[in-house]
Every structure is written in structure tokens, then in C-alpha cells.
Amino acid sequence: MLEDIKNACQIMSDGGVILYPTDTIWGLGCDATNMEAVHKIYTIKQRVDNKAMLV
């Protein structure tokens, strides 16, 4: 499991998006300070840019 966490951190550091389980649904995650990564999540979710996203 530690290796999975390291891989997820590396993916986010590289500007990628990860999929992770929560207690009820799956979540998408990225480096919130990387606007290109944030835009990837908006694209994946097919959301307009002016709609808020949880951080």
C-alpha cells in the first residue's frame, strides 16, 4: 500500500490525476496548485470552468 501512495504522489507531482476511493464514492484528485491538472479534472467531469469544485 505504501508503494501505491508513493505512485499516487508522483503522478500528482507530475501534473496527473488520480482516482481514489472514499467511504461512499470514488474521487478524482490532483495537485490543486497546478492549474493544468485542475483543468484535466474539469475536462474528465465535463464541467464548465466557472462551476466550483471541492478542494
PDB file of N, CA and C in Angstrom:
ATOM      1  N   MET A   1       0.817  -1.184   0.000  1.00  0.00           N
ATOM      2  CA  MET A   1       0.000   0.000   0.000  1.00  0.00           C
ATOM      3  C   MET A   1       0.869   1.260   0.000  1.00  0.00           C
ATOM      4  N   LEU A   2       1.995   1.236   0.691  1.00  0.00           N
ATOM      5  CA  LEU A   2       2.887   2.385   0.718  1.00  0.00           C
ATOM      6  C   LEU A   2       3.383   2.717  -0.688  1.00  0.00           C
ATOM      7  N   GLU A   3       3.657   1.697  -1.474  1.00  0.00           N
ATOM      8  CA  GLU A   3       4.112   1.915  -2.852  1.00  0.00           C
ATOM      9  C   GLU A   3       3.015   2.582  -3.681  1.00  0.00           C
ATOM     10  N   ASP A   4       1.758   2.202  -3.465  1.00  0.00           N
ATOM     11  CA  ASP A   4       0.637   2.835  -4.166  1.00  0.00           C
ATOM     12  C   ASP A   4       0.537   4.317  -3.816  1.00  0.00           C
ATOM     13  N   ILE A   5       0.749   4.644  -2.555  1.00  0.00           N
ATOM     14  CA  ILE A   5       0.699   6.040  -2.115  1.00  0.00           C
ATOM     15  C   ILE A   5       1.834   6.833  -2.759  1.00  0.00           C
ATOM     16  N   LYS A   6       3.018   6.250  -2.795  1.00  0.00           N
ATOM     17  CA  LYS A   6       4.154   6.916  -3.443  1.00  0.00           C
ATOM     18  C   LYS A   6       3.871   7.149  -4.923  1.00  0.00           C
ATOM     19  N   ASN A   7       3.292   6.150  -5.593  1.00  0.00           N
ATOM     20  CA  ASN A   7       2.959   6.290  -7.011  1.00  0.00           C
ATOM     21  C   ASN A   7       1.930   7.392  -7.226  1.00  0.00           C
ATOM     22  N   ALA A   8       0.912   7.445  -6.379  1.00  0.00           N
ATOM     23  CA  ALA A   8      -0.118   8.479  -6.496  1.00  0.00           C
ATOM     24  C   ALA A   8       0.490   9.864  -6.301  1.00  0.00           C
ATOM     25  N   CYS A   9       1.374  10.000  -5.338  1.00  0.00           N
ATOM     26  CA  CYS A   9       2.041  11.286  -5.101  1.00  0.00           C
ATOM     27  C   CYS A   9       2.880  11.697  -6.304  1.00  0.00           C
ATOM     28  N   GLN A  10       3.574  10.747  -6.901  1.00  0.00           N
ATOM     29  CA  GLN A  10       4.398  11.046  -8.071  1.00  0.00           C
ATOM     30  C   GLN A  10       3.528  11.475  -9.247  1.00  0.00           C
ATOM     31  N   ILE A  11       2.421  10.785  -9.462  1.00  0.00           N
ATOM     32  CA  ILE A  11       1.505  11.140 -10.548  1.00  0.00           C
ATOM     33  C   ILE A  11       1.004  12.567 -10.367  1.00  0.00           C
ATOM     34  N   MET A  12       0.598  12.911  -9.146  1.00  0.00           N
ATOM     35  CA  MET A  12       0.104  14.266  -8.898  1.00  0.00           C
ATOM     36  C   MET A  12       1.224  15.297  -9.031  1.00  0.00           C
ATOM     37  N   SER A  13       2.432  14.963  -8.600  1.00  0.00           N
ATOM     38  CA  SER A  13       3.574  15.874  -8.752  1.00  0.00           C
ATOM     39  C   SER A  13       3.880  16.144 -10.216  1.00  0.00           C
ATOM     40  N   ASP A  14       3.610  15.153 -11.054  1.00  0.00           N
ATOM     41  CA  ASP A  14       3.849  15.278 -12.493  1.00  0.00           C
ATOM     42  C   ASP A  14       2.685  15.931 -13.228  1.00  0.00           C
ATOM     43  N   GLY A  15       1.668  16.389 -12.493  1.00  0.00           N
ATOM     44  CA  GLY A  15       0.526  17.054 -13.121  1.00  0.00           C
ATOM     45  C   GLY A  15      -0.592  16.121 -13.523  1.00  0.00           C
ATOM     46  N   GLY A  16      -0.548  14.896 -13.044  1.00  0.00           N
ATOM     47  CA  GLY A  16      -1.568  13.917 -13.396  1.00  0.00           C
ATOM     48  C   GLY A  16      -2.748  13.926 -12.446  1.00  0.00           C
ATOM     49  N   VAL A  17      -3.715  13.094 -12.774  1.00  0.00           N
ATOM     50  CA  VAL A  17      -4.950  12.953 -12.000  1.00  0.00           C
ATOM     51  C   VAL A  17      -5.020  11.524 -11.479  1.00  0.00           C
ATOM     52  N   ILE A  18      -5.439  11.374 -10.235  1.00  0.00           N
ATOM     53  CA  ILE A  18      -5.599  10.041  -9.656  1.00  0.00           C
ATOM     54  C   ILE A  18      -7.070   9.787  -9.337  1.00  0.00           C
ATOM     55  N   LEU A  19      -7.428   8.531  -9.273  1.00  0.00           N
ATOM     56  CA  LEU A  19      -8.757   8.083  -8.859  1.00  0.00           C
ATOM     57  C   LEU A  19      -8.571   7.346  -7.540  1.00  0.00           C
ATOM     58  N   TYR A  20      -9.340   7.732  -6.517  1.00  0.00           N
ATOM     59  CA  TYR A  20      -9.167   7.118  -5.203  1.00  0.00           C
ATOM     60  C   TYR A  20     -10.522   6.864  -4.546  1.00  0.00           C
ATOM     61  N   PRO A  21     -10.617   5.809  -3.748  1.00  0.00           N
ATOM     62  CA  PRO A  21     -11.885   5.505  -3.078  1.00  0.00           C
ATOM     63  C   PRO A  21     -12.073   6.363  -1.827  1.00  0.00           C
ATOM     64  N   THR A  22     -13.321   6.757  -1.594  1.00  0.00           N
ATOM     65  CA  THR A  22     -13.686   7.387  -0.326  1.00  0.00           C
ATOM     66  C   THR A  22     -14.638   6.425   0.369  1.00  0.00           C
ATOM     67  N   ASP A  23     -15.250   6.852   1.446  1.00  0.00           N
ATOM     68  CA  ASP A  23     -16.150   5.938   2.153  1.00  0.00           C
ATOM     69  C   ASP A  23     -17.439   5.665   1.385  1.00  0.00           C
ATOM     70  N   THR A  24     -17.813   6.548   0.450  1.00  0.00           N
ATOM     71  CA  THR A  24     -19.078   6.350  -0.272  1.00  0.00           C
ATOM     72  C   THR A  24     -18.939   6.318  -1.789  1.00  0.00           C
ATOM     73  N   ILE A  25     -17.995   7.065  -2.355  1.00  0.00           N
ATOM     74  CA  ILE A  25     -17.839   7.141  -3.813  1.00  0.00           C
ATOM     75  C   ILE A  25     -16.357   7.170  -4.166  1.00  0.00           C
ATOM     76  N   TRP A  26     -16.066   7.175  -5.459  1.00  0.00           N
ATOM     77  CA  TRP A  26     -14.699   7.357  -5.929  1.00  0.00           C
ATOM     78  C   TRP A  26     -14.461   8.846  -6.137  1.00  0.00           C
ATOM     79  N   GLY A  27     -13.241   9.284  -5.855  1.00  0.00           N
ATOM     80  CA  GLY A  27     -12.888  10.686  -6.026  1.00  0.00           C
ATOM     81  C   GLY A  27     -11.770  10.852  -7.035  1.00  0.00           C
ATOM     82  N   LEU A  28     -11.714  12.038  -7.643  1.00  0.00           N
ATOM     83  CA  LEU A  28     -10.618  12.409  -8.526  1.00  0.00           C
ATOM     84  C   LEU A  28      -9.734  13.379  -7.767  1.00  0.00           C
ATOM     85  N   GLY A  29      -8.436  13.209  -7.874  1.00  0.00           N
ATOM     86  CA  GLY A  29      -7.525  14.084  -7.162  1.00  0.00           C
ATOM     87  C   GLY A  29      -6.382  14.548  -8.036  1.00  0.00           C
ATOM     88  N   CYS A  30      -5.862  15.736  -7.699  1.00  0.00           N
ATOM     89  CA  CYS A  30      -4.704  16.285  -8.390  1.00  0.00           C
ATOM     90  C   CYS A  30      -4.045  17.310  -7.478  1.00  0.00           C
ATOM     91  N   ASP A  31      -2.946  17.875  -7.932  1.00  0.00           N
ATOM     92  CA  ASP A  31      -2.291  18.974  -7.228  1.00  0.00           C
ATOM     93  C   ASP A  31      -3.132  20.223  -7.474  1.00  0.00           C
ATOM     94  N   ALA A  32      -3.798  20.719  -6.447  1.00  0.00           N
ATOM     95  CA  ALA A  32      -4.714  21.853  -6.594  1.00  0.00           C
ATOM     96  C   ALA A  32      -3.993  23.142  -6.963  1.00  0.00           C
ATOM     97  N   THR A  33      -2.672  23.186  -6.825  1.00  0.00           N
ATOM     98  CA  THR A  33      -1.919  24.379  -7.215  1.00  0.00           C
ATOM     99  C   THR A  33      -1.481  24.330  -8.672  1.00  0.00           C
ATOM    100  N   ASN A  34      -1.736  23.222  -9.340  1.00  0.00           N
ATOM    101  CA  ASN A  34      -1.376  23.049 -10.748  1.00  0.00           C
ATOM    102  C   ASN A  34      -2.641  23.239 -11.587  1.00  0.00           C
ATOM    103  N   MET A  35      -2.762  24.402 -12.226  1.00  0.00           N
ATOM    104  CA  MET A  35      -3.986  24.722 -12.958  1.00  0.00           C
ATOM    105  C   MET A  35      -4.228  23.790 -14.149  1.00  0.00           C
ATOM    106  N   GLU A  36      -3.174  23.279 -14.771  1.00  0.00           N
ATOM    107  CA  GLU A  36      -3.360  22.318 -15.865  1.00  0.00           C
ATOM    108  C   GLU A  36      -3.983  21.024 -15.338  1.00  0.00           C
ATOM    109  N   ALA A  37      -3.538  20.583 -14.177  1.00  0.00           N
ATOM    110  CA  ALA A  37      -4.096  19.368 -13.573  1.00  0.00           C
ATOM    111  C   ALA A  37      -5.550  19.589 -13.170  1.00  0.00           C
ATOM    112  N   VAL A  38      -5.843  20.758 -12.611  1.00  0.00           N
ATOM    113  CA  VAL A  38      -7.226  21.080 -12.240  1.00  0.00           C
ATOM    114  C   VAL A  38      -8.102  21.087 -13.487  1.00  0.00           C
ATOM    115  N   HIS A  39      -7.596  21.658 -14.580  1.00  0.00           N
ATOM    116  CA  HIS A  39      -8.359  21.681 -15.835  1.00  0.00           C
ATOM    117  C   HIS A  39      -8.625  20.257 -16.335  1.00  0.00           C
ATOM    118  N   LYS A  40      -7.680  19.340 -16.125  1.00  0.00           N
ATOM    119  CA  LYS A  40      -7.887  17.939 -16.522  1.00  0.00           C
ATOM    120  C   LYS A  40      -9.101  17.355 -15.801  1.00  0.00           C
ATOM    121  N   ILE A  41      -9.252  17.675 -14.510  1.00  0.00           N
ATOM    122  CA  ILE A  41     -10.404  17.163 -13.763  1.00  0.00           C
ATOM    123  C   ILE A  41     -11.693  17.759 -14.310  1.00  0.00           C
ATOM    124  N   TYR A  42     -11.684  19.067 -14.605  1.00  0.00           N
ATOM    125  CA  TYR A  42     -12.874  19.681 -15.199  1.00  0.00           C
ATOM    126  C   TYR A  42     -13.226  18.997 -16.519  1.00  0.00           C
ATOM    127  N   THR A  43     -12.222  18.677 -17.318  1.00  0.00           N
ATOM    128  CA  THR A  43     -12.458  18.003 -18.598  1.00  0.00           C
ATOM    129  C   THR A  43     -13.006  16.596 -18.381  1.00  0.00           C
ATOM    130  N   ILE A  44     -12.405  15.837 -17.478  1.00  0.00           N
ATOM    131  CA  ILE A  44     -12.867  14.475 -17.192  1.00  0.00           C
ATOM    132  C   ILE A  44     -14.320  14.488 -16.735  1.00  0.00           C
ATOM    133  N   LYS A  45     -14.655  15.452 -15.859  1.00  0.00           N
ATOM    134  CA  LYS A  45     -16.016  15.532 -15.314  1.00  0.00           C
ATOM    135  C   LYS A  45     -16.989  16.248 -16.249  1.00  0.00           C
ATOM    136  N   GLN A  46     -16.461  16.780 -17.351  1.00  0.00           N
ATOM    137  CA  GLN A  46     -17.267  17.544 -18.311  1.00  0.00           C
ATOM    138  C   GLN A  46     -18.007  18.680 -17.598  1.00  0.00           C
ATOM    139  N   ARG A  47     -17.259  19.414 -16.773  1.00  0.00           N
ATOM    140  CA  ARG A  47     -17.794  20.546 -16.006  1.00  0.00           C
ATOM    141  C   ARG A  47     -17.330  21.846 -16.624  1.00  0.00           C
ATOM    142  N   VAL A  48     -18.171  22.865 -16.551  1.00  0.00           N
ATOM    143  CA  VAL A  48     -17.763  24.188 -17.011  1.00  0.00           C
ATOM    144  C   VAL A  48     -16.794  24.785 -15.989  1.00  0.00           C
ATOM    145  N   ASP A  49     -15.864  25.599 -16.474  1.00  0.00           N
ATOM    146  CA  ASP A  49     -14.808  26.141 -15.612  1.00  0.00           C
ATOM    147  C   ASP A  49     -15.309  27.073 -14.516  1.00  0.00           C
ATOM    148  N   ASN A  50     -16.487  27.656 -14.691  1.00  0.00           N
ATOM    149  CA  ASN A  50     -16.963  28.598 -13.676  1.00  0.00           C
ATOM    150  C   ASN A  50     -17.770  27.917 -12.568  1.00  0.00           C
ATOM    151  N   LYS A  51     -17.870  26.601 -12.609  1.00  0.00           N
ATOM    152  CA  LYS A  51     -18.560  25.845 -11.563  1.00  0.00           C
ATOM    153  C   LYS A  51     -17.538  25.397 -10.518  1.00  0.00           C
ATOM    154  N   ALA A  52     -17.851  25.608  -9.257  1.00  0.00           N
ATOM    155  CA  ALA A  52     -16.907  25.303  -8.176  1.00  0.00           C
ATOM    156  C   ALA A  52     -16.610  23.810  -8.055  1.00  0.00           C
ATOM    157  N   MET A  53     -15.442  23.528  -7.483  1.00  0.00           N
ATOM    158  CA  MET A  53     -15.026  22.152  -7.238  1.00  0.00           C
ATOM    159  C   MET A  53     -14.531  22.056  -5.795  1.00  0.00           C
ATOM    160  N   LEU A  54     -14.789  20.948  -5.138  1.00  0.00           N
ATOM    161  CA  LEU A  54     -14.302  20.741  -3.771  1.00  0.00           C
ATOM    162  C   LEU A  54     -12.790  20.580  -3.757  1.00  0.00           C
ATOM    163  N   VAL A  55     -12.173  21.128  -2.742  1.00  0.00           N
ATOM    164  CA  VAL A  55     -10.717  21.006  -2.583  1.00  0.00           C
ATOM    165  C   VAL A  55     -10.441  20.309  -1.277  1.00  0.00           C
TER     166      VAL A  55
END
